[in-house]
Amino acid sequence: MHIERYLRLIAGIFVLTSLVLARVHSEYWLLFTAFVGLNLFQSFFTNWCPMMMFLKWFGVKGCKEMPAN
């Protein structure tokens, strides 16, 4: 998998987890959901996301770096 797919997977997990925590624990977890959404929104314009730095640090390659099938 490439970095863009991992980013979508992690964002989805964060959103679903924070929604469950908001329901079970505290509604303040919805602020984390909003944070993830705002990060995705700004990354549309800037093509930069903090999670991408971590994924690159762990050696995940971008889709342009992947060999063609």
PDB file of N, CA and C in Angstrom:
ATOM      1  N   MET A   1       0.834  -1.187   0.000  1.00  0.00           N
ATOM      2  CA  MET A   1       0.000   0.000   0.000  1.00  0.00           C
ATOM      3  C   MET A   1       0.877   1.248   0.000  1.00  0.00           C
ATOM      4  N   HIS A   2       0.319   2.325  -0.521  1.00  0.00           N
ATOM      5  CA  HIS A   2       1.065   3.570  -0.552  1.00  0.00           C
ATOM      6  C   HIS A   2       0.542   4.535   0.507  1.00  0.00           C
ATOM      7  N   ILE A   3       1.259   5.629   0.670  1.00  0.00           N
ATOM      8  CA  ILE A   3       1.032   6.547   1.786  1.00  0.00           C
ATOM      9  C   ILE A   3      -0.383   7.136   1.791  1.00  0.00           C
ATOM     10  N   GLU A   4      -0.931   7.401   0.605  1.00  0.00           N
ATOM     11  CA  GLU A   4      -2.263   7.991   0.534  1.00  0.00           C
ATOM     12  C   GLU A   4      -3.329   7.035   1.068  1.00  0.00           C
ATOM     13  N   ARG A   5      -3.175   5.754   0.791  1.00  0.00           N
ATOM     14  CA  ARG A   5      -4.143   4.769   1.292  1.00  0.00           C
ATOM     15  C   ARG A   5      -4.011   4.598   2.800  1.00  0.00           C
ATOM     16  N   TYR A   6      -2.780   4.573   3.301  1.00  0.00           N
ATOM     17  CA  TYR A   6      -2.586   4.499   4.751  1.00  0.00           C
ATOM     18  C   TYR A   6      -3.186   5.723   5.442  1.00  0.00           C
ATOM     19  N   LEU A   7      -3.007   6.890   4.823  1.00  0.00           N
ATOM     20  CA  LEU A   7      -3.543   8.118   5.407  1.00  0.00           C
ATOM     21  C   LEU A   7      -5.069   8.042   5.523  1.00  0.00           C
ATOM     22  N   ARG A   8      -5.734   7.568   4.486  1.00  0.00           N
ATOM     23  CA  ARG A   8      -7.192   7.422   4.539  1.00  0.00           C
ATOM     24  C   ARG A   8      -7.608   6.406   5.595  1.00  0.00           C
ATOM     25  N   LEU A   9      -6.873   5.308   5.687  1.00  0.00           N
ATOM     26  CA  LEU A   9      -7.175   4.277   6.682  1.00  0.00           C
ATOM     27  C   LEU A   9      -7.046   4.834   8.099  1.00  0.00           C
ATOM     28  N   ILE A  10      -5.960   5.520   8.377  1.00  0.00           N
ATOM     29  CA  ILE A  10      -5.720   6.062   9.717  1.00  0.00           C
ATOM     30  C   ILE A  10      -6.746   7.139  10.056  1.00  0.00           C
ATOM     31  N   ALA A  11      -7.054   8.010   9.096  1.00  0.00           N
ATOM     32  CA  ALA A  11      -8.055   9.051   9.346  1.00  0.00           C
ATOM     33  C   ALA A  11      -9.409   8.423   9.646  1.00  0.00           C
ATOM     34  N   GLY A  12      -9.784   7.397   8.905  1.00  0.00           N
ATOM     35  CA  GLY A  12     -11.050   6.714   9.156  1.00  0.00           C
ATOM     36  C   GLY A  12     -11.094   6.071  10.528  1.00  0.00           C
ATOM     37  N   ILE A  13     -10.003   5.431  10.913  1.00  0.00           N
ATOM     38  CA  ILE A  13      -9.935   4.804  12.237  1.00  0.00           C
ATOM     39  C   ILE A  13     -10.036   5.862  13.330  1.00  0.00           C
ATOM     40  N   PHE A  14      -9.313   6.989  13.160  1.00  0.00           N
ATOM     41  CA  PHE A  14      -9.376   8.067  14.155  1.00  0.00           C
ATOM     42  C   PHE A  14     -10.787   8.623  14.292  1.00  0.00           C
ATOM     43  N   VAL A  15     -11.459   8.848  13.167  1.00  0.00           N
ATOM     44  CA  VAL A  15     -12.809   9.413  13.213  1.00  0.00           C
ATOM     45  C   VAL A  15     -13.774   8.440  13.881  1.00  0.00           C
ATOM     46  N   LEU A  16     -13.748   7.177  13.470  1.00  0.00           N
ATOM     47  CA  LEU A  16     -14.669   6.198  14.056  1.00  0.00           C
ATOM     48  C   LEU A  16     -14.392   5.984  15.544  1.00  0.00           C
ATOM     49  N   THR A  17     -13.118   5.933  15.912  1.00  0.00           N
ATOM     50  CA  THR A  17     -12.768   5.753  17.324  1.00  0.00           C
ATOM     51  C   THR A  17     -13.231   6.947  18.161  1.00  0.00           C
ATOM     52  N   SER A  18     -13.017   8.158  17.637  1.00  0.00           N
ATOM     53  CA  SER A  18     -13.434   9.331  18.405  1.00  0.00           C
ATOM     54  C   SER A  18     -14.954   9.430  18.498  1.00  0.00           C
ATOM     55  N   LEU A  19     -15.678   8.973  17.487  1.00  0.00           N
ATOM     56  CA  LEU A  19     -17.137   8.949  17.570  1.00  0.00           C
ATOM     57  C   LEU A  19     -17.621   7.971  18.637  1.00  0.00           C
ATOM     58  N   VAL A  20     -16.990   6.810  18.694  1.00  0.00           N
ATOM     59  CA  VAL A  20     -17.346   5.839  19.735  1.00  0.00           C
ATOM     60  C   VAL A  20     -17.022   6.401  21.114  1.00  0.00           C
ATOM     61  N   LEU A  21     -15.851   7.002  21.266  1.00  0.00           N
ATOM     62  CA  LEU A  21     -15.471   7.583  22.550  1.00  0.00           C
ATOM     63  C   LEU A  21     -16.396   8.736  22.942  1.00  0.00           C
ATOM     64  N   ALA A  22     -16.858   9.511  21.961  1.00  0.00           N
ATOM     65  CA  ALA A  22     -17.800  10.590  22.264  1.00  0.00           C
ATOM     66  C   ALA A  22     -19.123  10.031  22.771  1.00  0.00           C
ATOM     67  N   ARG A  23     -19.528   8.921  22.231  1.00  0.00           N
ATOM     68  CA  ARG A  23     -20.788   8.300  22.659  1.00  0.00           C
ATOM     69  C   ARG A  23     -20.651   7.651  24.034  1.00  0.00           C
ATOM     70  N   VAL A  24     -19.526   6.993  24.280  1.00  0.00           N
ATOM     71  CA  VAL A  24     -19.331   6.220  25.495  1.00  0.00           C
ATOM     72  C   VAL A  24     -18.769   7.057  26.646  1.00  0.00           C
ATOM     73  N   HIS A  25     -17.824   7.931  26.338  1.00  0.00           N
ATOM     74  CA  HIS A  25     -17.076   8.607  27.397  1.00  0.00           C
ATOM     75  C   HIS A  25     -17.469  10.078  27.557  1.00  0.00           C
ATOM     76  N   SER A  26     -17.154  10.896  26.552  1.00  0.00           N
ATOM     77  CA  SER A  26     -17.391  12.334  26.666  1.00  0.00           C
ATOM     78  C   SER A  26     -17.578  12.929  25.279  1.00  0.00           C
ATOM     79  N   GLU A  27     -18.484  13.890  25.179  1.00  0.00           N
ATOM     80  CA  GLU A  27     -18.711  14.540  23.890  1.00  0.00           C
ATOM     81  C   GLU A  27     -17.528  15.393  23.445  1.00  0.00           C
ATOM     82  N   TYR A  28     -16.599  15.664  24.321  1.00  0.00           N
ATOM     83  CA  TYR A  28     -15.411  16.423  23.947  1.00  0.00           C
ATOM     84  C   TYR A  28     -14.541  15.683  22.934  1.00  0.00           C
ATOM     85  N   TRP A  29     -14.732  14.389  22.786  1.00  0.00           N
ATOM     86  CA  TRP A  29     -14.011  13.630  21.770  1.00  0.00           C
ATOM     87  C   TRP A  29     -14.394  14.072  20.367  1.00  0.00           C
ATOM     88  N   LEU A  30     -15.539  14.735  20.218  1.00  0.00           N
ATOM     89  CA  LEU A  30     -15.933  15.250  18.909  1.00  0.00           C
ATOM     90  C   LEU A  30     -14.986  16.349  18.435  1.00  0.00           C
ATOM     91  N   LEU A  31     -14.288  16.986  19.367  1.00  0.00           N
ATOM     92  CA  LEU A  31     -13.272  17.962  18.979  1.00  0.00           C
ATOM     93  C   LEU A  31     -12.131  17.282  18.223  1.00  0.00           C
ATOM     94  N   PHE A  32     -11.795  16.073  18.626  1.00  0.00           N
ATOM     95  CA  PHE A  32     -10.763  15.315  17.905  1.00  0.00           C
ATOM     96  C   PHE A  32     -11.247  14.959  16.507  1.00  0.00           C
ATOM     97  N   THR A  33     -12.527  14.606  16.387  1.00  0.00           N
ATOM     98  CA  THR A  33     -13.105  14.329  15.067  1.00  0.00           C
ATOM     99  C   THR A  33     -12.995  15.570  14.186  1.00  0.00           C
ATOM    100  N   ALA A  34     -13.315  16.723  14.742  1.00  0.00           N
ATOM    101  CA  ALA A  34     -13.211  17.974  13.987  1.00  0.00           C
ATOM    102  C   ALA A  34     -11.763  18.266  13.603  1.00  0.00           C
ATOM    103  N   PHE A  35     -10.823  17.987  14.487  1.00  0.00           N
ATOM    104  CA  PHE A  35      -9.403  18.192  14.199  1.00  0.00           C
ATOM    105  C   PHE A  35      -8.961  17.343  13.008  1.00  0.00           C
ATOM    106  N   VAL A  36      -9.365  16.090  12.991  1.00  0.00           N
ATOM    107  CA  VAL A  36      -9.007  15.205  11.879  1.00  0.00           C
ATOM    108  C   VAL A  36      -9.627  15.727  10.585  1.00  0.00           C
ATOM    109  N   GLY A  37     -10.886  16.130  10.650  1.00  0.00           N
ATOM    110  CA  GLY A  37     -11.544  16.660   9.465  1.00  0.00           C
ATOM    111  C   GLY A  37     -10.891  17.929   8.944  1.00  0.00           C
ATOM    112  N   LEU A  38     -10.521  18.827   9.847  1.00  0.00           N
ATOM    113  CA  LEU A  38      -9.839  20.057   9.431  1.00  0.00           C
ATOM    114  C   LEU A  38      -8.471  19.774   8.825  1.00  0.00           C
ATOM    115  N   ASN A  39      -7.760  18.795   9.368  1.00  0.00           N
ATOM    116  CA  ASN A  39      -6.471  18.410   8.786  1.00  0.00           C
ATOM    117  C   ASN A  39      -6.650  17.865   7.371  1.00  0.00           C
ATOM    118  N   LEU A  40      -7.659  17.034   7.171  1.00  0.00           N
ATOM    119  CA  LEU A  40      -7.918  16.514   5.829  1.00  0.00           C
ATOM    120  C   LEU A  40      -8.295  17.647   4.879  1.00  0.00           C
ATOM    121  N   PHE A  41      -9.092  18.591   5.366  1.00  0.00           N
ATOM    122  CA  PHE A  41      -9.515  19.722   4.547  1.00  0.00           C
ATOM    123  C   PHE A  41      -8.324  20.585   4.136  1.00  0.00           C
ATOM    124  N   GLN A  42      -7.461  20.927   5.085  1.00  0.00           N
ATOM    125  CA  GLN A  42      -6.312  21.761   4.743  1.00  0.00           C
ATOM    126  C   GLN A  42      -5.321  21.009   3.864  1.00  0.00           C
ATOM    127  N   SER A  43      -5.235  19.685   4.010  1.00  0.00           N
ATOM    128  CA  SER A  43      -4.297  18.926   3.175  1.00  0.00           C
ATOM    129  C   SER A  43      -4.745  18.902   1.720  1.00  0.00           C
ATOM    130  N   PHE A  44      -6.036  19.114   1.465  1.00  0.00           N
ATOM    131  CA  PHE A  44      -6.518  19.229   0.088  1.00  0.00           C
ATOM    132  C   PHE A  44      -5.867  20.426  -0.597  1.00  0.00           C
ATOM    133  N   PHE A  45      -5.732  21.524   0.130  1.00  0.00           N
ATOM    134  CA  PHE A  45      -5.175  22.745  -0.443  1.00  0.00           C
ATOM    135  C   PHE A  45      -3.651  22.768  -0.432  1.00  0.00           C
ATOM    136  N   THR A  46      -3.051  22.186   0.597  1.00  0.00           N
ATOM    137  CA  THR A  46      -1.595  22.305   0.756  1.00  0.00           C
ATOM    138  C   THR A  46      -0.834  21.052   0.359  1.00  0.00           C
ATOM    139  N   ASN A  47      -1.528  19.926   0.211  1.00  0.00           N
ATOM    140  CA  ASN A  47      -0.898  18.627  -0.068  1.00  0.00           C
ATOM    141  C   ASN A  47       0.117  18.263   1.013  1.00  0.00           C
ATOM    142  N   TRP A  48      -0.165  18.672   2.239  1.00  0.00           N
ATOM    143  CA  TRP A  48       0.685  18.361   3.387  1.00  0.00           C
ATOM    144  C   TRP A  48      -0.191  17.962   4.556  1.00  0.00           C
ATOM    145  N   CYS A  49       0.208  16.914   5.243  1.00  0.00           N
ATOM    146  CA  CYS A  49      -0.526  16.443   6.410  1.00  0.00           C
ATOM    147  C   CYS A  49       0.500  15.929   7.428  1.00  0.00           C
ATOM    148  N   PRO A  50       0.339  16.248   8.705  1.00  0.00           N
ATOM    149  CA  PRO A  50       1.306  15.793   9.696  1.00  0.00           C
ATOM    150  C   PRO A  50       1.473  14.272   9.728  1.00  0.00           C
ATOM    151  N   MET A  51       0.390  13.530   9.511  1.00  0.00           N
ATOM    152  CA  MET A  51       0.492  12.068   9.536  1.00  0.00           C
ATOM    153  C   MET A  51       1.379  11.552   8.408  1.00  0.00           C
ATOM    154  N   MET A  52       1.412  12.278   7.286  1.00  0.00           N
ATOM    155  CA  MET A  52       2.266  11.855   6.172  1.00  0.00           C
ATOM    156  C   MET A  52       3.736  11.883   6.569  1.00  0.00           C
ATOM    157  N   MET A  53       4.118  12.838   7.424  1.00  0.00           N
ATOM    158  CA  MET A  53       5.504  12.890   7.897  1.00  0.00           C
ATOM    159  C   MET A  53       5.844  11.631   8.683  1.00  0.00           C
ATOM    160  N   PHE A  54       4.916  11.201   9.552  1.00  0.00           N
ATOM    161  CA  PHE A  54       5.159   9.990  10.337  1.00  0.00           C
ATOM    162  C   PHE A  54       5.224   8.759   9.438  1.00  0.00           C
ATOM    163  N   LEU A  55       4.336   8.675   8.471  1.00  0.00           N
ATOM    164  CA  LEU A  55       4.329   7.526   7.576  1.00  0.00           C
ATOM    165  C   LEU A  55       5.604   7.467   6.748  1.00  0.00           C
ATOM    166  N   LYS A  56       6.074   8.609   6.271  1.00  0.00           N
ATOM    167  CA  LYS A  56       7.337   8.637   5.528  1.00  0.00           C
ATOM    168  C   LYS A  56       8.495   8.239   6.427  1.00  0.00           C
ATOM    169  N   TRP A  57       8.434   8.676   7.687  1.00  0.00           N
ATOM    170  CA  TRP A  57       9.477   8.328   8.647  1.00  0.00           C
ATOM    171  C   TRP A  57       9.530   6.807   8.859  1.00  0.00           C
ATOM    172  N   PHE A  58       8.366   6.152   8.795  1.00  0.00           N
ATOM    173  CA  PHE A  58       8.303   4.696   8.932  1.00  0.00           C
ATOM    174  C   PHE A  58       8.593   3.973   7.625  1.00  0.00           C
ATOM    175  N   GLY A  59       8.888   4.716   6.556  1.00  0.00           N
ATOM    176  CA  GLY A  59       9.311   4.109   5.305  1.00  0.00           C
ATOM    177  C   GLY A  59       8.196   3.791   4.317  1.00  0.00           C
ATOM    178  N   VAL A  60       7.011   4.318   4.528  1.00  0.00           N
ATOM    179  CA  VAL A  60       5.920   4.091   3.586  1.00  0.00           C
ATOM    180  C   VAL A  60       6.160   4.955   2.356  1.00  0.00           C
ATOM    181  N   LYS A  61       6.022   4.375   1.180  1.00  0.00           N
ATOM    182  CA  LYS A  61       6.284   5.091  -0.062  1.00  0.00           C
ATOM    183  C   LYS A  61       5.015   5.747  -0.595  1.00  0.00           C
ATOM    184  N   GLY A  62       5.196   6.846  -1.313  1.00  0.00           N
ATOM    185  CA  GLY A  62       4.084   7.512  -1.978  1.00  0.00           C
ATOM    186  C   GLY A  62       3.660   6.749  -3.204  1.00  0.00           C
ATOM    187  N   CYS A  63       2.527   7.096  -3.769  1.00  0.00           N
ATOM    188  CA  CYS A  63       2.013   6.352  -4.929  1.00  0.00           C
ATOM    189  C   CYS A  63       2.901   6.567  -6.157  1.00  0.00           C
ATOM    190  N   LYS A  64       3.585   7.702  -6.258  1.00  0.00           N
ATOM    191  CA  LYS A  64       4.473   7.939  -7.391  1.00  0.00           C
ATOM    192  C   LYS A  64       5.770   7.164  -7.250  1.00  0.00           C
ATOM    193  N   GLU A  65       6.098   6.734  -6.035  1.00  0.00           N
ATOM    194  CA  GLU A  65       7.332   5.984  -5.788  1.00  0.00           C
ATOM    195  C   GLU A  65       7.120   4.483  -5.928  1.00  0.00           C
ATOM    196  N   MET A  66       5.862   4.056  -6.063  1.00  0.00           N
ATOM    197  CA  MET A  66       5.556   2.642  -6.149  1.00  0.00           C
ATOM    198  C   MET A  66       5.812   2.148  -7.580  1.00  0.00           C
ATOM    199  N   PRO A  67       6.295   0.907  -7.723  1.00  0.00           N
ATOM    200  CA  PRO A  67       6.493   0.366  -9.074  1.00  0.00           C
ATOM    201  C   PRO A  67       5.145   0.109  -9.745  1.00  0.00           C
ATOM    202  N   ALA A  68       5.090   0.282 -11.039  1.00  0.00           N
ATOM    203  CA  ALA A  68       3.843   0.039 -11.800  1.00  0.00           C
ATOM    204  C   ALA A  68       3.584  -1.460 -11.881  1.00  0.00           C
ATOM    205  N   ASN A  69       2.318  -1.829 -11.787  1.00  0.00           N
ATOM    206  CA  ASN A  69       1.948  -3.250 -11.884  1.00  0.00           C
ATOM    207  C   ASN A  69       1.593  -3.601 -13.287  1.00  0.00           C
TER     208      ASN A  69
END
